[in-house]
Amino acid sequence: MATEKKVATSAEREQAKLLNRVRRVRGQLDGVERSLQSGEDCANVLMLLAACRGGISALMAEVLEDHIRLHLLQGRSKEASKDLADDLIDIVHAYFK
């Protein structure tokens, strides 16, 4: 009997990507906790916190982008939807930088 390989859908790949981002942020937060517990220099802790903030912002931008593409654009023409999505996504990315 031949085994079938499961081909991941676009949605499954996107979900896996988001979950990986969450895991990276969790790892960064664990690093902050370890640094605080060990009494590391404030500058090092601040750098770790900045990395956490960047990770959260990137995750938030990805989820918001998906929301715009999947939910806000239904019922519009394909061209109008793409233009609106691109404009909104550019604004969101600029905000989270």
N, C-alpha and C. Protein backbone atom coordinates (compact mmCIF):
# COMPACT_ATOMS: atom_id res chain seq x y z
N MET A 1 0.84 -1.17 0.00
CA MET A 1 0.00 0.00 0.00
C MET A 1 0.89 1.24 0.00
N ALA A 2 0.63 2.13 -0.91
CA ALA A 2 1.43 3.35 -1.01
C ALA A 2 0.99 4.35 0.05
N THR A 3 1.97 5.03 0.59
CA THR A 3 1.63 6.05 1.59
C THR A 3 1.46 7.38 0.88
N GLU A 4 0.48 8.12 1.32
CA GLU A 4 0.21 9.43 0.73
C GLU A 4 0.84 10.50 1.59
N LYS A 5 1.53 11.41 0.94
CA LYS A 5 2.08 12.55 1.66
C LYS A 5 1.01 13.63 1.72
N LYS A 6 0.84 14.17 2.90
CA LYS A 6 -0.13 15.25 3.06
C LYS A 6 0.52 16.54 2.59
N VAL A 7 -0.15 17.21 1.69
CA VAL A 7 0.32 18.49 1.19
C VAL A 7 -0.33 19.58 2.03
N ALA A 8 0.50 20.40 2.63
CA ALA A 8 -0.01 21.47 3.48
C ALA A 8 -0.68 22.54 2.63
N THR A 9 -1.85 22.95 3.07
CA THR A 9 -2.54 24.02 2.37
C THR A 9 -1.88 25.35 2.73
N SER A 10 -2.23 26.36 2.00
CA SER A 10 -1.71 27.70 2.27
C SER A 10 -2.08 28.14 3.69
N ALA A 11 -3.30 27.86 4.11
CA ALA A 11 -3.76 28.24 5.44
C ALA A 11 -2.97 27.51 6.52
N GLU A 12 -2.67 26.24 6.28
CA GLU A 12 -1.90 25.46 7.25
C GLU A 12 -0.47 25.99 7.35
N ARG A 13 0.11 26.35 6.21
CA ARG A 13 1.47 26.91 6.23
C ARG A 13 1.48 28.25 6.95
N GLU A 14 0.46 29.06 6.72
CA GLU A 14 0.36 30.36 7.37
C GLU A 14 0.21 30.19 8.88
N GLN A 15 -0.62 29.25 9.29
CA GLN A 15 -0.81 29.00 10.72
C GLN A 15 0.50 28.52 11.35
N ALA A 16 1.21 27.64 10.68
CA ALA A 16 2.49 27.14 11.20
C ALA A 16 3.49 28.29 11.34
N LYS A 17 3.48 29.20 10.37
CA LYS A 17 4.38 30.36 10.42
C LYS A 17 4.06 31.23 11.63
N LEU A 18 2.78 31.47 11.88
CA LEU A 18 2.38 32.28 13.02
C LEU A 18 2.73 31.60 14.34
N LEU A 19 2.50 30.31 14.41
CA LEU A 19 2.84 29.58 15.63
C LEU A 19 4.34 29.60 15.90
N ASN A 20 5.14 29.53 14.85
CA ASN A 20 6.59 29.63 15.02
C ASN A 20 6.99 31.00 15.56
N ARG A 21 6.30 32.05 15.09
CA ARG A 21 6.57 33.39 15.61
C ARG A 21 6.24 33.46 17.10
N VAL A 22 5.12 32.87 17.49
CA VAL A 22 4.72 32.86 18.90
C VAL A 22 5.79 32.14 19.73
N ARG A 23 6.27 31.04 19.24
CA ARG A 23 7.30 30.28 19.97
C ARG A 23 8.59 31.07 20.11
N ARG A 24 8.97 31.81 19.06
CA ARG A 24 10.18 32.64 19.15
C ARG A 24 10.00 33.73 20.20
N VAL A 25 8.83 34.38 20.20
CA VAL A 25 8.57 35.42 21.19
C VAL A 25 8.59 34.83 22.59
N ARG A 26 7.99 33.66 22.76
CA ARG A 26 8.00 33.00 24.07
C ARG A 26 9.43 32.73 24.52
N GLY A 27 10.27 32.28 23.60
CA GLY A 27 11.68 32.04 23.92
C GLY A 27 12.38 33.33 24.32
N GLN A 28 12.06 34.42 23.63
CA GLN A 28 12.65 35.71 23.98
C GLN A 28 12.20 36.16 25.37
N LEU A 29 10.93 35.96 25.68
CA LEU A 29 10.44 36.33 27.02
C LEU A 29 11.08 35.47 28.10
N ASP A 30 11.29 34.19 27.80
CA ASP A 30 12.00 33.33 28.75
C ASP A 30 13.41 33.86 28.99
N GLY A 31 14.05 34.37 27.94
CA GLY A 31 15.37 34.96 28.08
C GLY A 31 15.35 36.20 28.97
N VAL A 32 14.30 37.01 28.85
CA VAL A 32 14.15 38.18 29.72
C VAL A 32 14.03 37.72 31.17
N GLU A 33 13.20 36.72 31.40
CA GLU A 33 13.01 36.22 32.76
C GLU A 33 14.33 35.71 33.34
N ARG A 34 15.07 34.93 32.56
CA ARG A 34 16.36 34.42 33.05
C ARG A 34 17.33 35.56 33.35
N SER A 35 17.32 36.57 32.49
CA SER A 35 18.21 37.72 32.69
C SER A 35 17.87 38.47 33.96
N LEU A 36 16.59 38.65 34.21
CA LEU A 36 16.17 39.34 35.44
C LEU A 36 16.51 38.52 36.67
N GLN A 37 16.29 37.21 36.58
CA GLN A 37 16.59 36.35 37.73
C GLN A 37 18.08 36.31 38.05
N SER A 38 18.90 36.39 37.03
CA SER A 38 20.35 36.31 37.25
C SER A 38 20.97 37.67 37.54
N GLY A 39 20.16 38.73 37.52
CA GLY A 39 20.65 40.05 37.84
C GLY A 39 21.51 40.67 36.75
N GLU A 40 21.22 40.34 35.51
CA GLU A 40 21.99 40.90 34.39
C GLU A 40 21.86 42.42 34.34
N ASP A 41 22.79 43.01 33.63
CA ASP A 41 22.82 44.45 33.44
C ASP A 41 21.53 44.93 32.79
N CYS A 42 21.04 46.09 33.22
CA CYS A 42 19.79 46.65 32.68
C CYS A 42 19.84 46.82 31.16
N ALA A 43 20.99 47.20 30.64
CA ALA A 43 21.11 47.40 29.19
C ALA A 43 20.83 46.11 28.44
N ASN A 44 21.32 44.99 28.95
CA ASN A 44 21.06 43.69 28.31
C ASN A 44 19.57 43.34 28.37
N VAL A 45 18.95 43.59 29.51
CA VAL A 45 17.52 43.30 29.66
C VAL A 45 16.71 44.18 28.70
N LEU A 46 17.09 45.44 28.58
CA LEU A 46 16.38 46.34 27.66
C LEU A 46 16.51 45.87 26.22
N MET A 47 17.67 45.38 25.85
CA MET A 47 17.85 44.86 24.49
C MET A 47 16.95 43.64 24.26
N LEU A 48 16.87 42.78 25.24
CA LEU A 48 15.98 41.61 25.13
C LEU A 48 14.52 42.04 25.02
N LEU A 49 14.15 43.03 25.81
CA LEU A 49 12.77 43.54 25.76
C LEU A 49 12.46 44.16 24.40
N ALA A 50 13.42 44.87 23.83
CA ALA A 50 13.21 45.46 22.51
C ALA A 50 13.00 44.36 21.46
N ALA A 51 13.75 43.27 21.59
CA ALA A 51 13.57 42.15 20.67
C ALA A 51 12.18 41.54 20.84
N CYS A 52 11.71 41.42 22.07
CA CYS A 52 10.36 40.90 22.32
C CYS A 52 9.31 41.81 21.69
N ARG A 53 9.48 43.10 21.88
CA ARG A 53 8.53 44.05 21.31
C ARG A 53 8.49 43.94 19.79
N GLY A 54 9.66 43.80 19.19
CA GLY A 54 9.72 43.64 17.74
C GLY A 54 9.03 42.37 17.28
N GLY A 55 9.23 41.29 18.04
CA GLY A 55 8.59 40.02 17.70
C GLY A 55 7.08 40.09 17.81
N ILE A 56 6.59 40.73 18.86
CA ILE A 56 5.14 40.89 19.05
C ILE A 56 4.57 41.77 17.94
N SER A 57 5.26 42.85 17.61
CA SER A 57 4.78 43.75 16.56
C SER A 57 4.71 43.03 15.22
N ALA A 58 5.72 42.22 14.91
CA ALA A 58 5.72 41.48 13.66
C ALA A 58 4.57 40.46 13.63
N LEU A 59 4.34 39.80 14.75
CA LEU A 59 3.24 38.84 14.85
C LEU A 59 1.90 39.55 14.67
N MET A 60 1.76 40.69 15.32
CA MET A 60 0.52 41.45 15.21
C MET A 60 0.28 41.91 13.78
N ALA A 61 1.32 42.36 13.11
CA ALA A 61 1.19 42.80 11.72
C ALA A 61 0.77 41.65 10.82
N GLU A 62 1.33 40.47 11.03
CA GLU A 62 0.97 39.30 10.22
C GLU A 62 -0.50 38.93 10.41
N VAL A 63 -0.95 38.90 11.66
CA VAL A 63 -2.34 38.53 11.93
C VAL A 63 -3.29 39.58 11.36
N LEU A 64 -2.93 40.85 11.50
CA LEU A 64 -3.77 41.91 10.95
C LEU A 64 -3.81 41.85 9.44
N GLU A 65 -2.67 41.56 8.82
CA GLU A 65 -2.63 41.42 7.36
C GLU A 65 -3.56 40.30 6.91
N ASP A 66 -3.51 39.16 7.59
CA ASP A 66 -4.40 38.05 7.25
C ASP A 66 -5.86 38.46 7.41
N HIS A 67 -6.15 39.18 8.48
CA HIS A 67 -7.53 39.62 8.73
C HIS A 67 -8.01 40.52 7.59
N ILE A 68 -7.17 41.44 7.18
CA ILE A 68 -7.53 42.36 6.08
C ILE A 68 -7.80 41.56 4.81
N ARG A 69 -6.89 40.68 4.48
CA ARG A 69 -7.02 39.92 3.24
C ARG A 69 -8.21 38.96 3.26
N LEU A 70 -8.46 38.33 4.40
CA LEU A 70 -9.47 37.28 4.45
C LEU A 70 -10.87 37.76 4.81
N HIS A 71 -10.98 38.87 5.54
CA HIS A 71 -12.29 39.24 6.06
C HIS A 71 -12.79 40.61 5.59
N LEU A 72 -11.91 41.59 5.49
CA LEU A 72 -12.37 42.93 5.15
C LEU A 72 -12.63 43.12 3.66
N LEU A 73 -12.08 42.27 2.85
CA LEU A 73 -12.13 42.50 1.41
C LEU A 73 -13.17 41.66 0.69
N GLN A 74 -13.94 40.89 1.41
CA GLN A 74 -14.96 40.06 0.76
C GLN A 74 -16.04 40.94 0.16
N GLY A 75 -16.48 40.60 -1.03
CA GLY A 75 -17.55 41.33 -1.69
C GLY A 75 -17.08 42.46 -2.59
N ARG A 76 -15.79 42.70 -2.66
CA ARG A 76 -15.25 43.74 -3.54
C ARG A 76 -14.67 43.08 -4.78
N SER A 77 -14.50 43.88 -5.82
CA SER A 77 -13.85 43.34 -7.02
C SER A 77 -12.43 42.95 -6.67
N LYS A 78 -11.90 42.01 -7.41
CA LYS A 78 -10.56 41.51 -7.13
C LYS A 78 -9.52 42.64 -7.19
N GLU A 79 -9.62 43.51 -8.19
CA GLU A 79 -8.65 44.60 -8.33
C GLU A 79 -8.79 45.61 -7.20
N ALA A 80 -10.03 45.98 -6.88
CA ALA A 80 -10.26 46.93 -5.78
C ALA A 80 -9.81 46.35 -4.45
N SER A 81 -10.07 45.07 -4.27
CA SER A 81 -9.66 44.40 -3.04
C SER A 81 -8.14 44.38 -2.89
N LYS A 82 -7.45 44.06 -3.97
CA LYS A 82 -5.99 44.01 -3.92
C LYS A 82 -5.41 45.38 -3.62
N ASP A 83 -5.93 46.41 -4.26
CA ASP A 83 -5.43 47.77 -4.02
C ASP A 83 -5.68 48.20 -2.57
N LEU A 84 -6.88 47.94 -2.08
CA LEU A 84 -7.21 48.30 -0.70
C LEU A 84 -6.33 47.52 0.27
N ALA A 85 -6.18 46.25 0.03
CA ALA A 85 -5.35 45.42 0.90
C ALA A 85 -3.92 45.91 0.93
N ASP A 86 -3.36 46.20 -0.24
CA ASP A 86 -1.97 46.67 -0.30
C ASP A 86 -1.80 47.99 0.45
N ASP A 87 -2.76 48.91 0.29
CA ASP A 87 -2.68 50.18 0.99
C ASP A 87 -2.76 50.00 2.50
N LEU A 88 -3.70 49.20 2.95
CA LEU A 88 -3.86 48.97 4.39
C LEU A 88 -2.63 48.26 4.97
N ILE A 89 -2.11 47.30 4.25
CA ILE A 89 -0.95 46.55 4.72
C ILE A 89 0.28 47.46 4.81
N ASP A 90 0.46 48.35 3.84
CA ASP A 90 1.57 49.30 3.90
C ASP A 90 1.46 50.19 5.14
N ILE A 91 0.25 50.65 5.43
CA ILE A 91 0.03 51.49 6.60
C ILE A 91 0.34 50.73 7.88
N VAL A 92 -0.14 49.51 7.96
CA VAL A 92 0.08 48.68 9.15
C VAL A 92 1.57 48.43 9.35
N HIS A 93 2.27 48.05 8.29
CA HIS A 93 3.70 47.78 8.40
C HIS A 93 4.45 49.05 8.84
N ALA A 94 4.07 50.21 8.30
CA ALA A 94 4.72 51.46 8.70
C ALA A 94 4.46 51.74 10.18
N TYR A 95 3.27 51.46 10.65
CA TYR A 95 2.91 51.71 12.05
C TYR A 95 3.74 50.85 13.00
N PHE A 96 3.97 49.60 12.64
CA PHE A 96 4.66 48.68 13.54
C PHE A 96 6.18 48.73 13.47
N LYS A 97 6.71 49.58 12.62
CA LYS A 97 8.19 49.68 12.54
C LYS A 97 8.73 50.46 13.70
